[in-house]
Amino acid sequence: MKNDYVLKIEQDDDPVNPWEDYDHLSKIVHWHRRGFFGEDIRGREEEWFEEHERAGDIILPLYLYEHSGQTISLGRDYPFNDPWDSGQVGFVYISKEDAKKEYGSFRYWRKRAAECIHAEIKELDQYLTGDAWGYTITDKEGDVVESCWGFYGYDYCKEEAERMLKYLEDKQPSLPGIAV
């Protein structure tokens, strides 16, 4: 608390689904029996993979750990190597055409596309695991002067909240004879 402002960061109990509500460059295909995000390709996984690999698309495996909730990853580290509650459920990919359109034809377009996939899957995992946050800033009377919700990742929310708090404090006029 400074200048009589109070910052409160809280978990967002009703975050928007980023995969449905935001535009993403990457796409998900899956073969999960109860459905998942993206297109269901059950029964044609190998055919799908060969077609997209031939096209030069950037393709990464997608793993799901499902036990009292869901969490996803692009890697096989624990708990995604658990033989009972996890496994590969699909692929995440960006077509070569879309990647070149987004990043141009310079030599790092494949690397940039893979980084994009990692960032978009991290965001989706934060949604699935409840790592969604918001903040409110109140004045000395308890009135909300600023609030914002829909941040994925506590640290990101905290950074933005502190940035807004600093802005409000800097904006506060100093009165003669009163230390701020």
Protein backbone atom coordinates (compact mmCIF):
# COMPACT_ATOMS: atom_id res chain seq x y z
CA MET A 1 0.00 0.00 0.00
CA LYS A 2 1.36 3.39 -1.04
CA ASN A 3 -0.59 6.61 -1.48
CA ASP A 4 -3.46 4.75 0.15
CA TYR A 5 -3.88 2.33 -2.74
CA VAL A 6 -4.41 -1.36 -2.06
CA LEU A 7 -3.51 -3.94 -4.69
CA LYS A 8 -5.22 -7.32 -4.54
CA ILE A 9 -4.38 -10.19 -6.91
CA GLU A 10 -6.90 -13.03 -7.09
CA GLN A 11 -7.39 -16.21 -9.03
CA ASP A 12 -9.84 -15.77 -11.91
CA ASP A 13 -12.68 -18.21 -11.23
CA ASP A 14 -14.23 -17.78 -14.66
CA PRO A 15 -11.46 -17.20 -17.20
CA VAL A 16 -12.16 -17.20 -20.91
CA ASN A 17 -11.02 -20.27 -22.80
CA PRO A 18 -8.06 -18.94 -24.78
CA TRP A 19 -8.29 -21.69 -27.37
CA GLU A 20 -11.88 -20.77 -28.21
CA ASP A 21 -11.81 -17.01 -27.64
CA TYR A 22 -8.40 -15.94 -29.02
CA ASP A 23 -6.84 -16.34 -32.44
CA HIS A 24 -3.98 -18.81 -32.54
CA LEU A 25 -1.50 -19.55 -35.26
CA SER A 26 -1.13 -23.15 -34.18
CA LYS A 27 -3.78 -25.83 -34.45
CA ILE A 28 -4.45 -28.97 -32.44
CA VAL A 29 -5.46 -32.37 -33.76
CA HIS A 30 -6.20 -35.17 -31.31
CA TRP A 31 -7.39 -38.73 -30.84
CA HIS A 32 -8.52 -38.43 -27.21
CA ARG A 33 -11.55 -40.65 -26.57
CA ARG A 34 -13.53 -38.00 -24.68
CA GLY A 35 -12.74 -35.20 -27.05
CA PHE A 36 -10.27 -32.43 -26.62
CA PHE A 37 -9.36 -29.16 -28.30
CA GLY A 38 -9.10 -29.06 -32.05
CA GLU A 39 -9.94 -31.59 -34.72
CA ASP A 40 -10.54 -35.25 -33.88
CA ILE A 41 -8.41 -37.44 -36.19
CA ARG A 42 -9.03 -40.81 -34.50
CA GLY A 43 -8.30 -43.68 -36.85
CA ARG A 44 -6.24 -41.62 -39.28
CA GLU A 45 -3.35 -40.40 -37.10
CA GLU A 46 -0.60 -41.89 -39.26
CA GLU A 47 -2.14 -40.70 -42.50
CA TRP A 48 -2.56 -37.19 -41.04
CA PHE A 49 1.04 -37.10 -39.78
CA GLU A 50 2.55 -38.28 -43.07
CA GLU A 51 0.54 -35.73 -45.06
CA HIS A 52 1.58 -32.80 -42.85
CA GLU A 53 5.16 -33.93 -42.55
CA ARG A 54 5.40 -34.11 -46.37
CA ALA A 55 3.98 -30.58 -46.57
CA GLY A 56 6.80 -29.31 -44.33
CA ASP A 57 4.51 -28.25 -41.49
CA ILE A 58 5.93 -27.66 -38.02
CA ILE A 59 4.51 -30.52 -35.90
CA LEU A 60 5.01 -31.18 -32.19
CA PRO A 61 3.51 -34.01 -30.10
CA LEU A 62 0.90 -33.07 -27.49
CA TYR A 63 0.75 -34.97 -24.20
CA LEU A 64 -2.03 -34.98 -21.62
CA TYR A 65 -1.87 -35.89 -17.94
CA GLU A 66 -5.38 -36.49 -16.65
CA HIS A 67 -5.79 -37.16 -12.95
CA SER A 68 -8.10 -34.94 -10.89
CA GLY A 69 -7.92 -32.40 -13.70
CA GLN A 70 -5.97 -31.99 -16.89
CA THR A 71 -2.59 -30.56 -17.76
CA ILE A 72 -0.88 -30.61 -21.16
CA SER A 73 2.69 -30.50 -22.37
CA LEU A 74 4.83 -30.78 -25.46
CA GLY A 75 7.34 -32.94 -23.58
CA ARG A 76 7.44 -36.32 -21.84
CA ASP A 77 8.80 -35.18 -18.46
CA TYR A 78 6.98 -36.26 -15.30
CA PRO A 79 4.00 -36.51 -14.96
CA PHE A 80 3.58 -36.87 -18.71
CA ASN A 81 5.45 -40.19 -18.69
CA ASP A 82 3.01 -41.81 -16.24
CA PRO A 83 1.86 -45.07 -17.92
CA TRP A 84 -1.69 -44.95 -16.50
CA ASP A 85 -2.74 -41.30 -16.43
CA SER A 86 -0.87 -39.75 -19.33
CA GLY A 87 0.11 -40.17 -22.92
CA GLN A 88 0.22 -38.54 -26.29
CA VAL A 89 -3.24 -37.34 -27.33
CA GLY A 90 -2.42 -35.51 -30.52
CA PHE A 91 -0.24 -33.00 -32.30
CA VAL A 92 0.07 -29.24 -32.34
CA TYR A 93 1.12 -27.80 -35.65
CA ILE A 94 1.53 -24.72 -37.80
CA SER A 95 1.35 -25.17 -41.52
CA LYS A 96 4.43 -24.18 -43.48
CA GLU A 97 2.27 -21.77 -45.46
CA ASP A 98 0.89 -20.04 -42.33
CA ALA A 99 4.33 -19.88 -40.71
CA LYS A 100 5.91 -18.24 -43.75
CA LYS A 101 2.99 -15.83 -44.03
CA GLU A 102 3.39 -14.87 -40.35
CA TYR A 103 7.19 -14.80 -40.11
CA GLY A 104 8.31 -14.28 -43.68
CA SER A 105 10.72 -16.45 -45.57
CA PHE A 106 13.77 -15.60 -43.50
CA ARG A 107 15.78 -18.52 -42.23
CA TYR A 108 14.38 -18.61 -38.68
CA TRP A 109 10.71 -19.08 -39.54
CA ARG A 110 10.70 -22.70 -38.31
CA LYS A 111 12.22 -21.71 -34.96
CA ARG A 112 9.76 -18.82 -34.55
CA ALA A 113 6.82 -21.11 -35.37
CA ALA A 114 7.98 -23.68 -32.79
CA GLU A 115 8.30 -20.90 -30.18
CA CYS A 116 4.76 -19.81 -31.02
CA ILE A 117 3.46 -23.35 -30.50
CA HIS A 118 5.18 -23.55 -27.11
CA ALA A 119 3.71 -20.20 -25.99
CA GLU A 120 0.19 -21.05 -27.14
CA ILE A 121 0.23 -24.47 -25.45
CA LYS A 122 1.61 -22.92 -22.24
CA GLU A 123 -1.32 -20.49 -22.25
CA LEU A 124 -3.82 -23.31 -22.82
CA ASP A 125 -2.23 -25.33 -20.01
CA GLN A 126 -2.48 -22.34 -17.68
CA TYR A 127 -6.18 -22.20 -18.48
CA LEU A 128 -6.63 -25.94 -17.85
CA THR A 129 -4.76 -25.84 -14.53
CA GLY A 130 -6.47 -22.72 -13.18
CA ASP A 131 -3.41 -20.48 -13.48
CA ALA A 132 -5.63 -17.51 -14.46
CA TRP A 133 -5.56 -14.27 -12.49
CA GLY A 134 -6.86 -10.75 -12.13
CA TYR A 135 -6.27 -7.73 -9.95
CA THR A 136 -8.10 -4.84 -8.35
CA ILE A 137 -6.65 -1.61 -7.02
CA THR A 138 -8.73 0.30 -4.49
CA ASP A 139 -8.29 3.76 -3.03
CA LYS A 140 -8.34 4.68 0.66
CA GLU A 141 -12.15 4.74 0.64
CA GLY A 142 -12.24 1.21 -0.71
CA ASP A 143 -13.48 2.22 -4.16
CA VAL A 144 -12.07 0.28 -7.10
CA VAL A 145 -9.97 2.63 -9.22
CA GLU A 146 -8.58 0.00 -11.56
CA SER A 147 -9.09 -3.69 -12.26
CA CYS A 148 -8.14 -6.13 -14.96
CA TRP A 149 -8.75 -9.86 -15.39
CA GLY A 150 -7.80 -12.60 -17.80
CA PHE A 151 -4.08 -12.94 -17.13
CA TYR A 152 -2.56 -16.38 -17.62
CA GLY A 153 0.27 -16.87 -15.14
CA TYR A 154 0.48 -15.30 -11.68
CA ASP A 155 3.82 -13.60 -12.33
CA TYR A 156 2.51 -11.90 -15.48
CA CYS A 157 -0.56 -10.65 -13.60
CA LYS A 158 1.60 -9.35 -10.75
CA GLU A 159 3.94 -7.50 -13.13
CA GLU A 160 1.05 -5.79 -14.89
CA ALA A 161 -0.73 -4.97 -11.62
CA GLU A 162 2.42 -3.43 -10.17
CA ARG A 163 2.96 -1.46 -13.36
CA MET A 164 -0.58 -0.05 -13.08
CA LEU A 165 -0.09 0.71 -9.38
CA LYS A 166 3.10 2.64 -10.17
CA TYR A 167 1.27 4.53 -12.90
CA LEU A 168 -1.50 5.51 -10.47
CA GLU A 169 1.02 6.54 -7.82
CA ASP A 170 3.03 8.62 -10.29
CA LYS A 171 -0.15 10.24 -11.54
CA GLN A 172 -1.15 11.22 -7.99
CA PRO A 173 -0.45 14.94 -7.51
CA SER A 174 1.86 15.88 -4.66
CA LEU A 175 0.41 18.42 -2.28
CA PRO A 176 2.73 21.04 -0.76
CA GLY A 177 4.02 19.97 2.64
CA ILE A 178 2.80 16.39 2.27
CA ALA A 179 5.29 13.63 1.62
CA VAL A 180 4.06 11.08 -0.85
